[in-house]
C-alpha atoms as a PDB file:
ATOM      1  CA  MET A   1     102.200  83.459 170.313  1.00  0.00           C
ATOM      2  CA  ARG A   2      99.655  85.392 168.298  1.00  0.00           C
ATOM      3  CA  LEU A   3      99.330  84.867 164.566  1.00  0.00           C
ATOM      4  CA  GLY A   4      96.935  87.565 163.476  1.00  0.00           C
ATOM      5  CA  ALA A   5      93.660  86.812 165.252  1.00  0.00           C
ATOM      6  CA  LEU A   6      94.725  83.278 166.221  1.00  0.00           C
ATOM      7  CA  GLN A   7      96.291  82.089 169.465  1.00  0.00           C
ATOM      8  CA  LEU A   8      98.986  79.433 168.969  1.00  0.00           C
ATOM      9  CA  ASP A   9     100.551  77.317 171.709  1.00  0.00           C
ATOM     10  CA  ILE A  10     103.170  74.596 171.517  1.00  0.00           C
ATOM     11  CA  VAL A  11     101.788  71.620 173.417  1.00  0.00           C
ATOM     12  CA  SER A  12     104.686  69.241 173.936  1.00  0.00           C
ATOM     13  CA  ASP A  13     104.197  65.514 174.415  1.00  0.00           C
ATOM     14  CA  GLY A  14     107.791  65.310 175.613  1.00  0.00           C
ATOM     15  CA  ARG A  15     110.824  63.944 173.791  1.00  0.00           C
ATOM     16  CA  PHE A  16     112.027  60.709 172.265  1.00  0.00           C
ATOM     17  CA  TRP A  17     115.224  59.468 170.662  1.00  0.00           C
ATOM     18  CA  LEU A  18     115.806  57.919 167.224  1.00  0.00           C
ATOM     19  CA  ASP A  19     118.902  56.686 165.443  1.00  0.00           C
ATOM     20  CA  GLY A  20     120.835  59.644 164.071  1.00  0.00           C
ATOM     21  CA  GLY A  21     121.882  57.843 160.919  1.00  0.00           C
ATOM     22  CA  ALA A  22     118.283  56.995 160.095  1.00  0.00           C
ATOM     23  CA  MET A  23     117.214  60.567 160.814  1.00  0.00           C
ATOM     24  CA  PHE A  24     119.725  62.012 158.337  1.00  0.00           C
ATOM     25  CA  GLY A  25     119.779  59.364 155.615  1.00  0.00           C
ATOM     26  CA  VAL A  26     122.738  59.708 153.275  1.00  0.00           C
ATOM     27  CA  VAL A  27     124.284  62.604 155.234  1.00  0.00           C
ATOM     28  CA  PRO A  28     127.414  61.263 157.006  1.00  0.00           C
ATOM     29  CA  ARG A  29     127.646  61.418 160.786  1.00  0.00           C
ATOM     30  CA  ILE A  30     130.696  63.688 160.621  1.00  0.00           C
ATOM     31  CA  LEU A  31     128.317  66.375 159.300  1.00  0.00           C
ATOM     32  CA  TRP A  32     125.047  65.730 161.142  1.00  0.00           C
ATOM     33  CA  GLU A  33     126.589  65.288 164.591  1.00  0.00           C
ATOM     34  CA  LYS A  34     127.567  68.981 164.485  1.00  0.00           C
ATOM     35  CA  ARG A  35     123.849  69.794 164.604  1.00  0.00           C
ATOM     36  CA  ALA A  36     122.472  66.918 166.684  1.00  0.00           C
ATOM     37  CA  THR A  37     124.632  65.265 169.343  1.00  0.00           C
ATOM     38  CA  PRO A  38     124.010  61.495 169.556  1.00  0.00           C
ATOM     39  CA  ASP A  39     123.890  59.443 172.746  1.00  0.00           C
ATOM     40  CA  ASP A  40     125.925  56.277 173.327  1.00  0.00           C
ATOM     41  CA  LYS A  41     123.435  54.299 171.193  1.00  0.00           C
ATOM     42  CA  ASN A  42     123.754  56.750 168.267  1.00  0.00           C
ATOM     43  CA  ARG A  43     120.277  58.198 168.957  1.00  0.00           C
ATOM     44  CA  ILE A  44     119.460  61.901 168.775  1.00  0.00           C
ATOM     45  CA  CYS A  45     116.925  63.796 170.868  1.00  0.00           C
ATOM     46  CA  LEU A  46     113.717  64.800 169.095  1.00  0.00           C
ATOM     47  CA  GLY A  47     110.889  66.993 170.297  1.00  0.00           C
ATOM     48  CA  LEU A  48     107.206  66.120 170.112  1.00  0.00           C
ATOM     49  CA  ASN A  49     105.951  69.619 169.357  1.00  0.00           C
ATOM     50  CA  CYS A  50     102.204  69.456 168.821  1.00  0.00           C
ATOM     51  CA  LEU A  51     100.426  72.724 168.052  1.00  0.00           C
ATOM     52  CA  LEU A  52      97.222  74.082 169.574  1.00  0.00           C
ATOM     53  CA  VAL A  53      95.359  76.644 167.471  1.00  0.00           C
ATOM     54  CA  ARG A  54      92.573  78.608 169.162  1.00  0.00           C
ATOM     55  CA  THR A  55      90.467  80.438 166.603  1.00  0.00           C
ATOM     56  CA  GLY A  56      87.855  81.820 168.983  1.00  0.00           C
ATOM     57  CA  GLN A  57      85.295  79.375 167.584  1.00  0.00           C
ATOM     58  CA  ALA A  58      87.271  76.128 167.756  1.00  0.00           C
ATOM     59  CA  ASN A  59      90.207  74.507 169.536  1.00  0.00           C
ATOM     60  CA  VAL A  60      92.357  72.675 166.982  1.00  0.00           C
ATOM     61  CA  LEU A  61      95.207  70.301 167.818  1.00  0.00           C
ATOM     62  CA  ILE A  62      97.782  69.390 165.163  1.00  0.00           C
ATOM     63  CA  ASP A  63      99.304  65.963 165.839  1.00  0.00           C
ATOM     64  CA  THR A  64      99.224  64.269 169.231  1.00  0.00           C
ATOM     65  CA  GLY A  65     102.744  62.995 169.910  1.00  0.00           C
ATOM     66  CA  CYS A  66     103.722  59.505 171.061  1.00  0.00           C
ATOM     67  CA  GLY A  67     101.099  58.922 173.714  1.00  0.00           C
ATOM     68  CA  ASP A  68     101.664  56.361 176.455  1.00  0.00           C
ATOM     69  CA  LYS A  69     100.612  52.959 175.076  1.00  0.00           C
ATOM     70  CA  TYR A  70     104.037  51.296 175.035  1.00  0.00           C
ATOM     71  CA  SER A  71     105.742  48.248 176.452  1.00  0.00           C
ATOM     72  CA  GLU A  72     108.850  48.570 178.599  1.00  0.00           C
ATOM     73  CA  LYS A  73     110.900  47.348 175.637  1.00  0.00           C
ATOM     74  CA  GLU A  74     109.487  50.038 173.333  1.00  0.00           C
ATOM     75  CA  LEU A  75     110.097  52.715 175.960  1.00  0.00           C
ATOM     76  CA  ARG A  76     113.750  51.667 176.124  1.00  0.00           C
ATOM     77  CA  ILE A  77     114.201  51.451 172.349  1.00  0.00           C
ATOM     78  CA  TYR A  78     112.781  54.905 171.690  1.00  0.00           C
ATOM     79  CA  ARG A  79     113.831  56.448 175.034  1.00  0.00           C
ATOM     80  CA  ILE A  80     110.437  58.126 175.337  1.00  0.00           C
ATOM     81  CA  GLU A  81     110.498  60.941 177.921  1.00  0.00           C
ATOM     82  CA  ARG A  82     107.033  62.424 178.399  1.00  0.00           C
ATOM     83  CA  GLU A  83     106.979  64.009 181.901  1.00  0.00           C
ATOM     84  CA  GLY A  84     103.194  64.265 182.020  1.00  0.00           C
ATOM     85  CA  GLY A  85     102.593  64.482 178.294  1.00  0.00           C
ATOM     86  CA  LEU A  86     100.119  66.197 176.043  1.00  0.00           C
ATOM     87  CA  VAL A  87      96.963  66.077 178.180  1.00  0.00           C
ATOM     88  CA  SER A  88      98.752  67.523 181.199  1.00  0.00           C
ATOM     89  CA  ARG A  89     100.095  70.415 179.134  1.00  0.00           C
ATOM     90  CA  LEU A  90      96.654  71.137 177.701  1.00  0.00           C
ATOM     91  CA  GLN A  91      95.343  71.308 181.251  1.00  0.00           C
ATOM     92  CA  ASN A  92      98.075  73.813 182.067  1.00  0.00           C
ATOM     93  CA  LEU A  93      96.571  75.965 179.311  1.00  0.00           C
ATOM     94  CA  GLY A  94      93.110  75.670 180.864  1.00  0.00           C
ATOM     95  CA  LEU A  95      91.737  73.046 178.476  1.00  0.00           C
ATOM     96  CA  GLN A  96      90.251  69.621 179.138  1.00  0.00           C
ATOM     97  CA  VAL A  97      90.229  66.816 176.570  1.00  0.00           C
ATOM     98  CA  SER A  98      86.538  67.523 175.956  1.00  0.00           C
ATOM     99  CA  ASP A  99      87.419  71.061 174.820  1.00  0.00           C
ATOM    100  CA  ILE A 100      89.288  69.941 171.676  1.00  0.00           C
ATOM    101  CA  ASP A 101      87.059  70.272 168.604  1.00  0.00           C
ATOM    102  CA  LEU A 102      89.390  69.089 165.830  1.00  0.00           C
ATOM    103  CA  VAL A 103      92.527  66.947 165.654  1.00  0.00           C
ATOM    104  CA  ILE A 104      94.590  67.049 162.458  1.00  0.00           C
ATOM    105  CA  ASN A 105      96.963  64.121 161.958  1.00  0.00           C
ATOM    106  CA  THR A 106      99.725  64.920 159.482  1.00  0.00           C
ATOM    107  CA  HIS A 107     100.173  61.149 159.111  1.00  0.00           C
ATOM    108  CA  LEU A 108      99.669  58.025 161.182  1.00  0.00           C
ATOM    109  CA  HIS A 109     103.163  57.145 162.397  1.00  0.00           C
ATOM    110  CA  PHE A 110     103.118  56.434 166.129  1.00  0.00           C
ATOM    111  CA  ASP A 111     105.056  59.581 167.089  1.00  0.00           C
ATOM    112  CA  HIS A 112     102.448  61.794 165.409  1.00  0.00           C
ATOM    113  CA  CYS A 113      99.183  60.126 166.398  1.00  0.00           C
ATOM    114  CA  GLY A 114     100.020  58.095 169.509  1.00  0.00           C
ATOM    115  CA  GLY A 115      98.084  60.554 171.663  1.00  0.00           C
ATOM    116  CA  ASN A 116      94.927  60.103 169.574  1.00  0.00           C
ATOM    117  CA  THR A 117      93.806  57.410 171.997  1.00  0.00           C
ATOM    118  CA  ILE A 118      94.290  56.461 175.640  1.00  0.00           C
ATOM    119  CA  LEU A 119      93.784  53.231 177.536  1.00  0.00           C
ATOM    120  CA  LYS A 120      90.725  52.917 179.740  1.00  0.00           C
ATOM    121  CA  GLN A 121      90.320  49.594 181.513  1.00  0.00           C
ATOM    122  CA  GLY A 122      92.792  48.115 179.055  1.00  0.00           C
ATOM    123  CA  GLU A 123      90.941  49.329 175.941  1.00  0.00           C
ATOM    124  CA  ALA A 124      92.055  52.123 173.610  1.00  0.00           C
ATOM    125  CA  VAL A 125      89.460  54.901 173.316  1.00  0.00           C
ATOM    126  CA  PRO A 126      89.574  58.398 171.758  1.00  0.00           C
ATOM    127  CA  THR A 127      91.522  60.817 173.952  1.00  0.00           C
ATOM    128  CA  PHE A 128      89.421  63.743 172.722  1.00  0.00           C
ATOM    129  CA  PRO A 129      85.827  62.475 172.807  1.00  0.00           C
ATOM    130  CA  ASN A 130      84.235  65.498 171.150  1.00  0.00           C
ATOM    131  CA  ALA A 131      86.821  65.979 168.407  1.00  0.00           C
ATOM    132  CA  GLU A 132      86.743  65.094 164.753  1.00  0.00           C
ATOM    133  CA  TYR A 133      90.045  63.555 163.653  1.00  0.00           C
ATOM    134  CA  VAL A 134      91.235  64.398 160.123  1.00  0.00           C
ATOM    135  CA  VAL A 135      93.739  62.399 158.059  1.00  0.00           C
ATOM    136  CA  ARG A 136      94.492  61.881 154.356  1.00  0.00           C
ATOM    137  CA  ARG A 137      92.710  58.923 152.802  1.00  0.00           C
ATOM    138  CA  ALA A 138      95.939  57.691 151.158  1.00  0.00           C
ATOM    139  CA  GLU A 139      97.650  57.712 154.547  1.00  0.00           C
ATOM    140  CA  TYR A 140      94.807  55.804 156.161  1.00  0.00           C
ATOM    141  CA  GLU A 141      94.884  53.207 153.372  1.00  0.00           C
ATOM    142  CA  ASP A 142      98.639  52.671 153.675  1.00  0.00           C
ATOM    143  CA  ALA A 143      98.492  52.519 157.475  1.00  0.00           C
ATOM    144  CA  SER A 144      95.683  49.965 157.263  1.00  0.00           C
ATOM    145  CA  ARG A 145      97.704  47.752 154.905  1.00  0.00           C
ATOM    146  CA  PRO A 146     101.327  48.120 155.998  1.00  0.00           C
ATOM    147  CA  ASN A 147     104.167  46.170 154.461  1.00  0.00           C
ATOM    148  CA  GLU A 148     107.253  44.658 156.049  1.00  0.00           C
ATOM    149  CA  ARG A 149     109.024  48.009 156.135  1.00  0.00           C
ATOM    150  CA  THR A 150     106.178  50.221 157.345  1.00  0.00           C
ATOM    151  CA  SER A 151     104.498  47.995 159.921  1.00  0.00           C
ATOM    152  CA  ALA A 152     106.867  49.081 162.702  1.00  0.00           C
ATOM    153  CA  SER A 153     105.576  52.662 162.460  1.00  0.00           C
ATOM    154  CA  TYR A 154     101.810  52.046 162.225  1.00  0.00           C
ATOM    155  CA  PHE A 155      99.921  50.968 165.346  1.00  0.00           C
ATOM    156  CA  PRO A 156      96.177  50.452 164.651  1.00  0.00           C
ATOM    157  CA  HIS A 157      95.188  51.211 168.247  1.00  0.00           C
ATOM    158  CA  ASN A 158      96.040  54.833 167.464  1.00  0.00           C
ATOM    159  CA  TRP A 159      93.247  55.222 164.904  1.00  0.00           C
ATOM    160  CA  ARG A 160      90.918  52.193 164.840  1.00  0.00           C
ATOM    161  CA  PRO A 161      89.047  53.348 167.983  1.00  0.00           C
ATOM    162  CA  ILE A 162      88.597  56.764 166.328  1.00  0.00           C
ATOM    163  CA  GLU A 163      87.076  55.110 163.283  1.00  0.00           C
ATOM    164  CA  GLN A 164      84.870  52.843 165.388  1.00  0.00           C
ATOM    165  CA  ALA A 165      83.584  55.866 167.302  1.00  0.00           C
ATOM    166  CA  GLY A 166      82.608  57.584 164.031  1.00  0.00           C
ATOM    167  CA  ARG A 167      85.111  60.369 164.655  1.00  0.00           C
ATOM    168  CA  LEU A 168      87.488  59.790 161.723  1.00  0.00           C
ATOM    169  CA  ARG A 169      87.266  62.055 158.671  1.00  0.00           C
ATOM    170  CA  LEU A 170      89.246  61.158 155.565  1.00  0.00           C
ATOM    171  CA  VAL A 171      90.197  63.893 153.090  1.00  0.00           C
ATOM    172  CA  ASP A 172      91.457  63.553 149.536  1.00  0.00           C
ATOM    173  CA  ASN A 173      92.397  67.082 148.503  1.00  0.00           C
ATOM    174  CA  ASP A 174      94.090  70.219 149.772  1.00  0.00           C
ATOM    175  CA  GLN A 175      91.423  72.250 151.507  1.00  0.00           C
ATOM    176  CA  ALA A 176      90.612  74.815 154.176  1.00  0.00           C
ATOM    177  CA  ILE A 177      89.506  72.614 157.046  1.00  0.00           C
ATOM    178  CA  LEU A 178      88.508  75.750 158.989  1.00  0.00           C
ATOM    179  CA  PRO A 179      88.893  79.441 158.138  1.00  0.00           C
ATOM    180  CA  GLY A 180      92.627  80.136 158.309  1.00  0.00           C
ATOM    181  CA  ILE A 181      93.659  76.463 158.586  1.00  0.00           C
ATOM    182  CA  ARG A 182      94.507  74.698 155.335  1.00  0.00           C
ATOM    183  CA  LEU A 183      95.702  71.166 154.622  1.00  0.00           C
ATOM    184  CA  LEU A 184      98.541  70.781 152.100  1.00  0.00           C
ATOM    185  CA  HIS A 185      99.592  67.463 150.582  1.00  0.00           C
ATOM    186  CA  THR A 186     103.349  67.134 151.152  1.00  0.00           C
ATOM    187  CA  PRO A 187     104.270  63.585 150.060  1.00  0.00           C
ATOM    188  CA  GLY A 188     107.624  61.888 150.347  1.00  0.00           C
ATOM    189  CA  HIS A 189     107.922  60.767 153.942  1.00  0.00           C
ATOM    190  CA  THR A 190     104.765  58.797 153.220  1.00  0.00           C
ATOM    191  CA  ARG A 191     102.411  58.820 150.251  1.00  0.00           C
ATOM    192  CA  GLY A 192      99.635  60.570 152.185  1.00  0.00           C
ATOM    193  CA  HIS A 193     101.695  62.919 154.357  1.00  0.00           C
ATOM    194  CA  GLN A 194     100.180  66.383 154.841  1.00  0.00           C
ATOM    195  CA  SER A 195     101.339  69.660 156.351  1.00  0.00           C
ATOM    196  CA  VAL A 196      99.156  72.411 157.788  1.00  0.00           C
ATOM    197  CA  LEU A 197      99.199  76.060 156.697  1.00  0.00           C
ATOM    198  CA  ILE A 198      97.840  78.525 159.256  1.00  0.00           C
ATOM    199  CA  GLN A 199      97.042  82.074 158.103  1.00  0.00           C
ATOM    200  CA  SER A 200      95.471  85.116 159.699  1.00  0.00           C
ATOM    201  CA  GLU A 201      95.602  88.865 159.006  1.00  0.00           C
ATOM    202  CA  GLY A 202      98.435  88.567 156.497  1.00  0.00           C
ATOM    203  CA  GLN A 203     100.595  86.267 158.644  1.00  0.00           C
ATOM    204  CA  SER A 204     101.362  82.626 157.827  1.00  0.00           C
ATOM    205  CA  LEU A 205     102.880  79.644 159.597  1.00  0.00           C
ATOM    206  CA  LEU A 206     103.488  76.219 158.069  1.00  0.00           C
ATOM    207  CA  TYR A 207     103.466  73.149 160.308  1.00  0.00           C
ATOM    208  CA  LEU A 208     105.893  71.009 158.333  1.00  0.00           C
ATOM    209  CA  ALA A 209     105.628  67.736 160.270  1.00  0.00           C
ATOM    210  CA  ASP A 210     107.981  65.155 158.722  1.00  0.00           C
ATOM    211  CA  LEU A 211     108.509  66.972 155.437  1.00  0.00           C
ATOM    212  CA  CYS A 212     111.285  68.720 157.378  1.00  0.00           C
ATOM    213  CA  PRO A 213     111.313  67.401 160.948  1.00  0.00           C
ATOM    214  CA  THR A 214     113.955  69.696 162.481  1.00  0.00           C
ATOM    215  CA  SER A 215     115.765  72.889 161.587  1.00  0.00           C
ATOM    216  CA  ALA A 216     118.825  70.745 160.787  1.00  0.00           C
ATOM    217  CA  HIS A 217     116.891  69.215 157.894  1.00  0.00           C
ATOM    218  CA  VAL A 218     116.426  72.510 156.019  1.00  0.00           C
ATOM    219  CA  PRO A 219     119.226  71.823 153.472  1.00  0.00           C
ATOM    220  CA  LEU A 220     117.502  70.109 150.553  1.00  0.00           C
ATOM    221  CA  PRO A 221     119.534  66.856 150.533  1.00  0.00           C
ATOM    222  CA  TRP A 222     119.201  66.371 154.317  1.00  0.00           C
ATOM    223  CA  ILE A 223     116.361  63.856 154.083  1.00  0.00           C
ATOM    224  CA  MET A 224     115.489  61.114 156.538  1.00  0.00           C
ATOM    225  CA  GLY A 225     116.268  57.483 155.869  1.00  0.00           C
ATOM    226  CA  TYR A 226     112.744  56.863 157.159  1.00  0.00           C
ATOM    227  CA  ASP A 227     111.233  58.590 154.109  1.00  0.00           C
ATOM    228  CA  LEU A 228     109.593  56.045 151.833  1.00  0.00           C
ATOM    229  CA  TYR A 229     109.977  58.237 148.747  1.00  0.00           C
ATOM    230  CA  PRO A 230     113.090  60.409 149.282  1.00  0.00           C
ATOM    231  CA  LEU A 231     113.175  61.875 145.776  1.00  0.00           C
ATOM    232  CA  THR A 232     109.545  62.911 146.199  1.00  0.00           C
ATOM    233  CA  THR A 233     110.529  64.533 149.498  1.00  0.00           C
ATOM    234  CA  LEU A 234     113.227  66.467 147.664  1.00  0.00           C
ATOM    235  CA  GLU A 235     110.809  67.805 145.058  1.00  0.00           C
ATOM    236  CA  THR A 236     108.181  68.617 147.684  1.00  0.00           C
ATOM    237  CA  LYS A 237     110.713  70.479 149.851  1.00  0.00           C
ATOM    238  CA  LYS A 238     111.827  72.550 146.867  1.00  0.00           C
ATOM    239  CA  ARG A 239     108.257  73.473 145.981  1.00  0.00           C
ATOM    240  CA  ILE A 240     107.159  74.239 149.520  1.00  0.00           C
ATOM    241  CA  PHE A 241     110.312  76.153 150.454  1.00  0.00           C
ATOM    242  CA  GLU A 242     110.087  78.315 147.351  1.00  0.00           C
ATOM    243  CA  GLN A 243     106.496  79.215 148.204  1.00  0.00           C
ATOM    244  CA  ALA A 244     107.375  79.766 151.868  1.00  0.00           C
ATOM    245  CA  LEU A 245     110.166  82.140 150.876  1.00  0.00           C
ATOM    246  CA  ARG A 246     108.019  83.939 148.328  1.00  0.00           C
ATOM    247  CA  GLU A 247     105.090  84.406 150.716  1.00  0.00           C
ATOM    248  CA  SER A 248     107.074  84.921 153.957  1.00  0.00           C
ATOM    249  CA  TRP A 249     105.774  81.900 155.837  1.00  0.00           C
ATOM    250  CA  LEU A 250     107.130  81.068 159.258  1.00  0.00           C
ATOM    251  CA  LEU A 251     108.210  77.423 159.447  1.00  0.00           C
ATOM    252  CA  PHE A 252     107.326  75.201 162.416  1.00  0.00           C
ATOM    253  CA  PHE A 253     109.454  72.132 163.181  1.00  0.00           C
ATOM    254  CA  GLU A 254     107.610  69.358 164.965  1.00  0.00           C
ATOM    255  CA  HIS A 255     110.649  67.341 166.047  1.00  0.00           C
ATOM    256  CA  ASP A 256     113.154  70.077 166.868  1.00  0.00           C
ATOM    257  CA  PRO A 257     113.778  70.040 170.643  1.00  0.00           C
ATOM    258  CA  ALA A 258     115.283  73.543 170.715  1.00  0.00           C
ATOM    259  CA  CYS A 259     114.236  75.503 167.600  1.00  0.00           C
ATOM    260  CA  PRO A 260     110.559  75.065 166.761  1.00  0.00           C
ATOM    261  CA  LEU A 261     110.205  78.206 164.636  1.00  0.00           C
ATOM    262  CA  GLY A 262     112.199  80.009 161.974  1.00  0.00           C
ATOM    263  CA  ASN A 263     112.355  82.218 158.899  1.00  0.00           C
ATOM    264  CA  LEU A 264     113.687  80.800 155.653  1.00  0.00           C
ATOM    265  CA  SER A 265     116.274  82.502 153.456  1.00  0.00           C
ATOM    266  CA  HIS A 266     118.048  81.552 150.232  1.00  0.00           C
ATOM    267  CA  ALA A 267     121.549  82.464 149.085  1.00  0.00           C
ATOM    268  CA  GLU A 268     124.114  80.921 146.722  1.00  0.00           C
ATOM    269  CA  GLY A 269     121.693  78.176 145.765  1.00  0.00           C
ATOM    270  CA  LYS A 270     121.057  77.004 149.340  1.00  0.00           C
ATOM    271  CA  PHE A 271     118.232  77.401 151.838  1.00  0.00           C
ATOM    272  CA  SER A 272     119.033  78.345 155.417  1.00  0.00           C
ATOM    273  CA  LEU A 273     117.057  79.215 158.531  1.00  0.00           C
ATOM    274  CA  THR A 274     117.033  81.994 161.085  1.00  0.00           C
ATOM    275  CA  ALA A 275     115.508  80.933 164.380  1.00  0.00           C
ATOM    276  CA  VAL A 276     112.572  83.010 165.633  1.00  0.00           C
ATOM    277  CA  PRO A 277     111.755  83.162 169.370  1.00  0.00           C
ATOM    278  CA  TRP A 278     108.398  81.521 170.025  1.00  0.00           C
ATOM    279  CA  GLU A 279     107.266  84.510 172.104  1.00  0.00           C
ATOM    280  CA  ALA A 280     107.715  86.866 169.127  1.00  0.00           C
END
């Protein structure tokens, strides 16, 4: 789709499946299963919707999906279904890995940065050799020193080779990383989680990442059990949704397998979403 002068493309890294109860936290299954049908292991299907932004001067990739560096056991646990994956879909758009100029990682959980690196002769190396990779410093610090709860989500082979290659850029503040592409601190899921606001010619789209992973998570109390700071997530969602409503931002859902884009509305004290066709 076009957003002002920018060309945007969903670049899917496939799908994977996570426990529905964990994905919806305190929301009971009798409610969430109406929006996300679980499989026989109680897992729900999630998209890996990465976003390519072509500005005319730079090719920017937001998040990189799961990647392919997994054991057979991990593939079974997460039911990862990639069907070619991110690099193949970029090639379908006429781009090679060398054509990506900037990678923005919203955070360093494996399903958001797993495609940062690939294995060559058994060693993890940057997938995009000419790109600068951008992540929040707080996120990098927490990923580098995980605790017993967080260690299952942080895999150093997804970012250590980037750092060793001198391609990792750490940021501390909200900022325009390129004209029309702005980083916004959206803590709650993790301490250093960030979302990405894309604006051009009066149009705006917010890449929410795990602040609100699917359209089913739009209601304020529908917060993942995976969030480390759920009350912070709640306050961040309120603040971001109010601004999105006020300034007519489109919302982009990274993990929604069917509804990646929507318009927010508010009535009777509740937020709701109207799906927008991607081709619009």
